[in-house]
Amino acid sequence: MRGELSRRTGLRIATLAAAGLLALTGCGDGGGDKAESKGAGDGAATRTVKHDAGTAENVPAKPKRVVSVSATMTGHLLAIDAPVIASQVSPPSVITDKQGFFTQWADVATKRGVKVAYQGFEPDVEKVLALKPDVIVGAASGAENAEKFYAKLSAVAPTLLYRHDDLSWQDLTTRLGKDLGLSDKAREVVAAHEKRVTGTKARIKVSKQRAALVRDNQSAMTVFTKESAQGRLLTSLGFDVLEPPKGKGKVLDGRSDFAEFGQESVAATAGDSSLFFVSHTRQEIDTAVARPVWKDLPAVKEKRVYDLGLDTFRLDYYSAGNLIDRVEKALG
């Protein structure tokens, strides 16, 4: 079976080599919301979509079998009711269910019959081929970045890859909605979220101190920027989000959503900001703030330390809603 799949994959790659090369020459410029229909009128069967790894031809106007090669993207797809049949997953952990689905949308995926495509960050092209997708959606940033495999994936089905580190989850949801013919549902999801933000903002009491979005990595501290999905959400709720000092932290892979600082810089970086911990257990937070570099911070002494939940490292419609619930519970 594996040999047969390999021969089929090789045949498809050879057949579509020209298309793959054309796609690879395209430069992703964040303009993936520009989808051009091919055919006559609104009833066109396919479209051309510009995304963050190139340009995909013959994308079905209304896909029926979407395979996600990024668990990060799967939450956004499920929220707009995209016909996801399978998803890449991470090894089971405290942030996933036993299948490897992220906890914030695991119940939705199970209810809709989403299968595990494969486990691990590197796309298993043969397993994706066996699922017979009509569209493949993946990431162009983060650990699941599939750009190196774009040509191989494109030989299986039209492939769309998106960065998710330099825009809000709402903007990404809107892009996906337009590119997959689900704009109405995307607008509905974003509107429901904004209504929820407005209501919560009116019910919580925001402290005068800035909000520092942090992760304790023991040897380092991650600080999320105002441009991060988490920073944008807290800003929308009325918080003044701390911006990490420019030029002093380590920026990973050119990302604009967070920077890393040495533990010795905790006090100088956080100052008197309230601490909002991203993706920690309560025990991990308690352990962090008990260490010498944290325990004397004003936020720790004044009990301005908040747990945003384990599912808040990757924000989508589901985890953003969970974050709002936790902020309201803490400050409402």
Protein backbone atom coordinates (compact mmCIF):
# COMPACT_ATOMS: atom_id res chain seq x y z
CA MET A 1 0.00 0.00 0.00
CA ARG A 2 2.77 2.43 0.96
CA GLY A 3 4.63 1.66 -2.26
CA GLU A 4 1.52 2.23 -4.33
CA LEU A 5 0.91 5.57 -2.61
CA SER A 6 4.52 6.55 -3.29
CA ARG A 7 4.12 5.78 -7.02
CA ARG A 8 0.83 7.74 -7.14
CA THR A 9 2.43 10.69 -5.34
CA GLY A 10 5.38 10.65 -7.72
CA LEU A 11 3.06 10.57 -10.75
CA ARG A 12 1.03 13.50 -9.46
CA ILE A 13 4.17 15.52 -8.72
CA ALA A 14 5.56 14.87 -12.19
CA THR A 15 2.27 15.78 -13.83
CA LEU A 16 1.90 19.01 -11.89
CA ALA A 17 5.56 20.04 -11.77
CA ALA A 18 4.97 23.15 -13.85
CA ALA A 19 2.12 24.26 -11.62
CA GLY A 20 4.21 23.60 -8.52
CA LEU A 21 7.08 25.70 -9.86
CA LEU A 22 4.71 28.50 -10.75
CA ALA A 23 3.24 28.46 -7.24
CA LEU A 24 6.66 28.49 -5.63
CA THR A 25 7.67 31.62 -7.54
CA GLY A 26 4.80 33.55 -5.98
CA CYS A 27 5.73 35.69 -3.01
CA GLY A 28 3.31 35.62 -0.07
CA ASP A 29 2.60 39.25 0.77
CA GLY A 30 -0.33 38.87 3.11
CA GLY A 31 -2.77 39.35 0.24
CA GLY A 32 -4.43 35.97 0.59
CA ASP A 33 -7.80 37.64 0.89
CA LYS A 34 -7.67 38.34 -2.84
CA ALA A 35 -9.39 35.36 -4.44
CA GLU A 36 -10.04 35.57 -8.17
CA SER A 37 -12.75 33.37 -9.68
CA LYS A 38 -12.07 31.34 -12.81
CA GLY A 39 -15.09 30.85 -15.00
CA ALA A 40 -18.25 32.76 -15.74
CA GLY A 41 -20.11 34.66 -13.07
CA ASP A 42 -20.71 33.76 -9.45
CA GLY A 43 -21.24 30.11 -10.32
CA ALA A 44 -17.58 29.52 -11.18
CA ALA A 45 -16.48 26.06 -10.04
CA THR A 46 -12.91 27.04 -9.17
CA ARG A 47 -10.87 30.08 -8.28
CA THR A 48 -7.29 31.25 -8.07
CA VAL A 49 -6.18 32.10 -4.52
CA LYS A 50 -3.13 34.09 -3.50
CA HIS A 51 -1.85 33.00 -0.08
CA ASP A 52 1.33 33.28 1.99
CA ALA A 53 3.35 30.68 0.08
CA GLY A 54 2.35 31.54 -3.47
CA THR A 55 -0.71 31.24 -5.70
CA ALA A 56 -2.96 28.20 -5.89
CA GLU A 57 -4.88 27.42 -9.07
CA ASN A 58 -8.14 25.51 -9.41
CA VAL A 59 -9.24 25.91 -5.79
CA PRO A 60 -12.86 24.68 -5.55
CA ALA A 61 -15.23 27.57 -4.97
CA LYS A 62 -17.05 25.36 -2.47
CA PRO A 63 -14.63 22.71 -1.14
CA LYS A 64 -16.04 19.44 0.15
CA ARG A 65 -12.97 17.65 1.54
CA VAL A 66 -10.48 19.86 3.39
CA VAL A 67 -7.42 18.36 5.05
CA SER A 68 -5.60 20.57 7.56
CA VAL A 69 -1.85 20.06 7.82
CA SER A 70 -1.75 22.45 10.78
CA ALA A 71 -3.61 21.85 14.02
CA THR A 72 -3.31 25.59 14.63
CA MET A 73 -5.33 26.25 11.48
CA THR A 74 -7.89 23.55 12.25
CA GLY A 75 -9.60 25.61 14.93
CA HIS A 76 -10.13 28.49 12.52
CA LEU A 77 -11.50 26.11 9.88
CA LEU A 78 -13.93 24.42 12.26
CA ALA A 79 -15.23 27.79 13.46
CA ILE A 80 -16.37 28.73 9.94
CA ASP A 81 -17.86 25.27 9.31
CA ALA A 82 -15.27 24.34 6.70
CA PRO A 83 -15.66 20.67 5.66
CA VAL A 84 -12.55 19.45 7.49
CA ILE A 85 -12.22 15.69 7.12
CA ALA A 86 -8.83 15.28 8.82
CA SER A 87 -6.18 17.25 10.68
CA GLN A 88 -2.54 17.05 11.62
CA VAL A 89 -2.17 16.60 15.37
CA SER A 90 0.47 16.97 18.05
CA PRO A 91 1.37 14.17 20.47
CA PRO A 92 -1.28 13.96 23.23
CA SER A 93 -0.49 16.32 26.10
CA VAL A 94 -2.13 18.60 28.66
CA ILE A 95 -3.32 20.89 25.84
CA THR A 96 -4.90 18.13 23.75
CA ASP A 97 -7.35 15.27 24.07
CA LYS A 98 -6.19 11.66 23.71
CA GLN A 99 -6.23 11.91 19.91
CA GLY A 100 -4.04 15.01 19.85
CA PHE A 101 -6.82 17.50 19.06
CA PHE A 102 -6.45 20.82 20.91
CA THR A 103 -8.84 20.89 23.86
CA GLN A 104 -10.57 24.12 22.83
CA TRP A 105 -12.07 22.50 19.73
CA ALA A 106 -11.63 18.76 20.35
CA ASP A 107 -15.34 18.22 21.07
CA VAL A 108 -16.33 20.01 17.86
CA ALA A 109 -13.88 17.95 15.79
CA THR A 110 -15.09 14.69 17.31
CA LYS A 111 -18.73 15.58 16.75
CA ARG A 112 -18.03 16.36 13.10
CA GLY A 113 -16.08 13.15 12.54
CA VAL A 114 -12.70 14.76 11.87
CA LYS A 115 -9.99 12.12 11.56
CA VAL A 116 -6.33 12.25 12.55
CA ALA A 117 -4.37 12.76 9.33
CA TYR A 118 -0.97 12.13 10.95
CA GLN A 119 0.97 13.07 14.07
CA GLY A 120 3.96 15.39 14.01
CA PHE A 121 4.98 18.67 12.43
CA GLU A 122 6.31 17.32 9.12
CA PRO A 123 3.50 16.63 6.62
CA ASP A 124 3.02 12.97 5.75
CA VAL A 125 2.21 13.45 2.06
CA GLU A 126 1.22 9.82 1.47
CA LYS A 127 -1.35 9.88 4.27
CA VAL A 128 -2.71 13.19 3.00
CA LEU A 129 -3.02 11.73 -0.50
CA ALA A 130 -4.94 8.71 0.84
CA LEU A 131 -7.56 11.09 2.31
CA LYS A 132 -8.39 12.41 -1.20
CA PRO A 133 -8.72 16.10 -0.26
CA ASP A 134 -9.95 18.70 -2.72
CA VAL A 135 -8.16 21.44 -0.71
CA ILE A 136 -5.23 21.34 1.73
CA VAL A 137 -4.85 24.13 4.30
CA GLY A 138 -1.74 24.68 6.39
CA ALA A 139 0.57 27.13 8.11
CA ALA A 140 3.36 29.31 6.73
CA SER A 141 4.75 30.12 10.18
CA GLY A 142 5.42 28.40 13.49
CA ALA A 143 6.41 24.81 14.14
CA GLU A 144 3.88 23.53 11.57
CA ASN A 145 5.27 25.67 8.74
CA ALA A 146 4.73 23.56 5.62
CA GLU A 147 6.39 25.81 3.03
CA LYS A 148 9.19 23.29 2.40
CA PHE A 149 6.55 20.75 1.42
CA TYR A 150 4.40 23.09 -0.65
CA ALA A 151 5.25 21.56 -4.03
CA LYS A 152 4.54 18.01 -2.84
CA LEU A 153 1.29 18.98 -1.15
CA SER A 154 0.18 20.99 -4.19
CA ALA A 155 0.64 17.86 -6.30
CA VAL A 156 -2.01 16.17 -4.17
CA ALA A 157 -4.56 19.03 -4.15
CA PRO A 158 -4.66 22.84 -4.27
CA THR A 159 -2.78 23.95 -1.15
CA LEU A 160 -3.22 27.18 0.83
CA LEU A 161 -0.66 28.15 3.49
CA TYR A 162 -1.10 31.10 5.88
CA ARG A 163 0.98 32.91 8.46
CA HIS A 164 -0.81 33.11 11.79
CA ASP A 165 1.69 35.10 13.84
CA ASP A 166 1.33 38.61 12.41
CA LEU A 167 -2.43 39.16 12.36
CA SER A 168 -5.44 38.72 14.59
CA TRP A 169 -7.36 35.47 14.55
CA GLN A 170 -10.34 37.48 13.28
CA ASP A 171 -8.37 38.63 10.23
CA LEU A 172 -7.17 35.09 9.58
CA THR A 173 -10.72 33.78 9.92
CA THR A 174 -11.89 36.39 7.41
CA ARG A 175 -9.17 35.40 4.94
CA LEU A 176 -10.04 31.72 5.22
CA GLY A 177 -13.72 32.47 4.81
CA LYS A 178 -13.14 34.38 1.59
CA ASP A 179 -10.68 31.89 0.12
CA LEU A 180 -12.90 28.88 0.91
CA GLY A 181 -16.23 30.41 -0.08
CA LEU A 182 -17.40 30.78 3.52
CA SER A 183 -17.34 34.56 3.95
CA ASP A 184 -20.83 34.75 5.45
CA LYS A 185 -19.96 32.27 8.20
CA ALA A 186 -16.66 34.03 8.88
CA ARG A 187 -18.46 37.35 9.32
CA GLU A 188 -20.95 35.69 11.66
CA VAL A 189 -18.17 34.22 13.82
CA VAL A 190 -16.27 37.52 14.07
CA ALA A 191 -19.45 39.45 14.86
CA ALA A 192 -20.37 37.02 17.65
CA HIS A 193 -16.91 37.44 19.16
CA GLU A 194 -17.03 41.24 18.98
CA LYS A 195 -20.42 41.25 20.69
CA ARG A 196 -18.96 39.11 23.45
CA VAL A 197 -15.98 41.45 23.84
CA THR A 198 -18.25 44.48 24.15
CA GLY A 199 -20.35 42.85 26.84
CA THR A 200 -17.37 41.62 28.85
CA LYS A 201 -15.57 44.97 28.64
CA ALA A 202 -18.57 46.62 30.29
CA ARG A 203 -18.58 44.08 33.14
CA ILE A 204 -14.91 43.96 34.16
CA LYS A 205 -12.76 46.37 36.15
CA VAL A 206 -9.41 46.92 34.46
CA SER A 207 -6.53 47.91 36.76
CA LYS A 208 -4.51 51.04 36.06
CA GLN A 209 -1.33 49.00 35.65
CA ARG A 210 -0.29 47.65 32.30
CA ALA A 211 -0.97 44.02 31.45
CA ALA A 212 2.15 41.93 30.79
CA LEU A 213 1.39 38.79 28.78
CA VAL A 214 4.08 36.32 29.77
CA ARG A 215 5.25 32.73 29.69
CA ASP A 216 7.83 31.35 32.11
CA ASN A 217 10.28 29.06 30.34
CA GLN A 218 12.46 28.68 33.47
CA SER A 219 15.61 29.72 31.61
CA ALA A 220 13.83 32.58 29.83
CA MET A 221 10.65 34.62 29.85
CA THR A 222 8.43 35.11 26.82
CA VAL A 223 6.62 38.43 26.54
CA PHE A 224 3.79 38.76 24.02
CA THR A 225 3.53 42.04 22.12
CA LYS A 226 0.54 44.27 21.48
CA GLU A 227 0.48 42.84 17.97
CA SER A 228 0.08 39.26 19.19
CA ALA A 229 -3.36 37.68 19.07
CA GLN A 230 -3.38 37.70 22.87
CA GLY A 231 -2.27 41.33 23.00
CA ARG A 232 -4.94 42.42 20.56
CA LEU A 233 -7.64 40.64 22.54
CA LEU A 234 -6.64 42.16 25.88
CA THR A 235 -6.42 45.58 24.22
CA SER A 236 -9.96 45.16 22.90
CA LEU A 237 -11.08 44.44 26.47
CA GLY A 238 -9.63 47.76 27.63
CA PHE A 239 -6.17 46.74 28.91
CA ASP A 240 -2.98 48.70 28.27
CA VAL A 241 -0.74 45.85 27.12
CA LEU A 242 2.96 46.07 27.95
CA GLU A 243 5.19 46.27 24.90
CA PRO A 244 8.51 44.42 25.45
CA PRO A 245 11.58 46.67 25.22
CA LYS A 246 12.87 46.93 21.65
CA GLY A 247 16.27 45.48 20.90
CA LYS A 248 16.71 43.78 24.27
CA GLY A 249 14.82 40.55 23.76
CA LYS A 250 15.41 37.66 21.38
CA VAL A 251 12.97 37.56 18.46
CA LEU A 252 12.42 34.10 17.03
CA ASP A 253 12.12 33.54 13.27
CA GLY A 254 11.29 37.17 12.63
CA ARG A 255 8.06 36.89 14.61
CA SER A 256 6.31 40.07 15.68
CA ASP A 257 4.03 38.51 18.29
CA PHE A 258 6.53 37.78 21.08
CA ALA A 259 10.13 38.12 22.23
CA GLU A 260 12.22 36.20 24.77
CA PHE A 261 14.16 37.67 27.69
CA GLY A 262 16.54 36.13 30.19
CA GLN A 263 15.19 35.45 33.66
CA GLU A 264 17.53 38.12 35.03
CA SER A 265 15.50 40.66 33.01
CA VAL A 266 12.12 39.79 34.53
CA ALA A 267 11.95 42.71 36.96
CA ALA A 268 13.25 45.30 34.48
CA THR A 269 10.91 44.08 31.75
CA ALA A 270 7.69 43.54 33.71
CA GLY A 271 8.03 46.46 36.13
CA ASP A 272 4.79 46.98 38.05
CA SER A 273 2.63 45.43 35.31
CA SER A 274 -0.05 42.92 36.18
CA LEU A 275 0.99 39.45 35.04
CA PHE A 276 -1.20 37.44 32.68
CA PHE A 277 0.27 33.98 32.18
CA VAL A 278 -0.29 32.39 28.77
CA SER A 279 -0.59 28.61 28.50
CA HIS A 280 0.42 27.44 31.98
CA THR A 281 -1.05 25.16 34.60
CA ARG A 282 -1.87 26.78 37.92
CA GLN A 283 0.97 24.80 39.51
CA GLU A 284 3.46 26.11 36.94
CA ILE A 285 2.38 29.68 37.66
CA ASP A 286 2.73 29.18 41.42
CA THR A 287 6.19 27.70 40.92
CA ALA A 288 7.27 30.59 38.67
CA VAL A 289 6.20 33.42 40.96
CA ALA A 290 7.84 31.72 43.97
CA ARG A 291 11.32 32.00 42.40
CA PRO A 292 13.56 34.90 43.48
CA VAL A 293 13.35 36.77 40.17
CA TRP A 294 9.54 36.85 40.30
CA LYS A 295 8.48 36.84 43.95
CA ASP A 296 9.33 40.49 44.67
CA LEU A 297 7.45 41.90 41.68
CA PRO A 298 4.61 44.30 42.66
CA ALA A 299 2.11 42.15 40.78
CA VAL A 300 3.02 39.09 42.85
CA LYS A 301 2.90 40.93 46.16
CA GLU A 302 -0.42 42.60 45.29
CA LYS A 303 -1.93 39.40 43.85
CA ARG A 304 -2.28 40.78 40.35
CA VAL A 305 -1.31 37.47 38.76
CA TYR A 306 -3.83 35.90 36.38
CA ASP A 307 -4.11 32.54 34.64
CA LEU A 308 -5.35 32.82 31.05
CA GLY A 309 -5.49 29.05 30.60
CA LEU A 310 -3.53 26.30 28.90
CA ASP A 311 -5.28 26.78 25.56
CA THR A 312 -4.27 30.42 25.01
CA PHE A 313 -0.97 29.99 23.17
CA ARG A 314 -2.83 29.57 19.87
CA LEU A 315 -5.88 31.80 19.69
CA ASP A 316 -8.86 30.95 17.52
CA TYR A 317 -12.58 31.54 18.00
CA TYR A 318 -12.81 28.81 20.63
CA SER A 319 -9.74 29.62 22.75
CA ALA A 320 -10.41 33.36 22.49
CA GLY A 321 -13.82 32.74 24.02
CA ASN A 322 -12.25 30.72 26.82
CA LEU A 323 -9.76 33.53 27.49
CA ILE A 324 -12.59 36.07 27.74
CA ASP A 325 -14.42 33.82 30.22
CA ARG A 326 -11.33 33.60 32.43
CA VAL A 327 -10.72 37.35 32.39
CA GLU A 328 -14.32 38.02 33.32
CA LYS A 329 -14.19 35.47 36.12
CA ALA A 330 -11.02 37.06 37.52
CA LEU A 331 -11.97 40.72 37.12
CA GLY A 332 -15.72 40.82 36.71
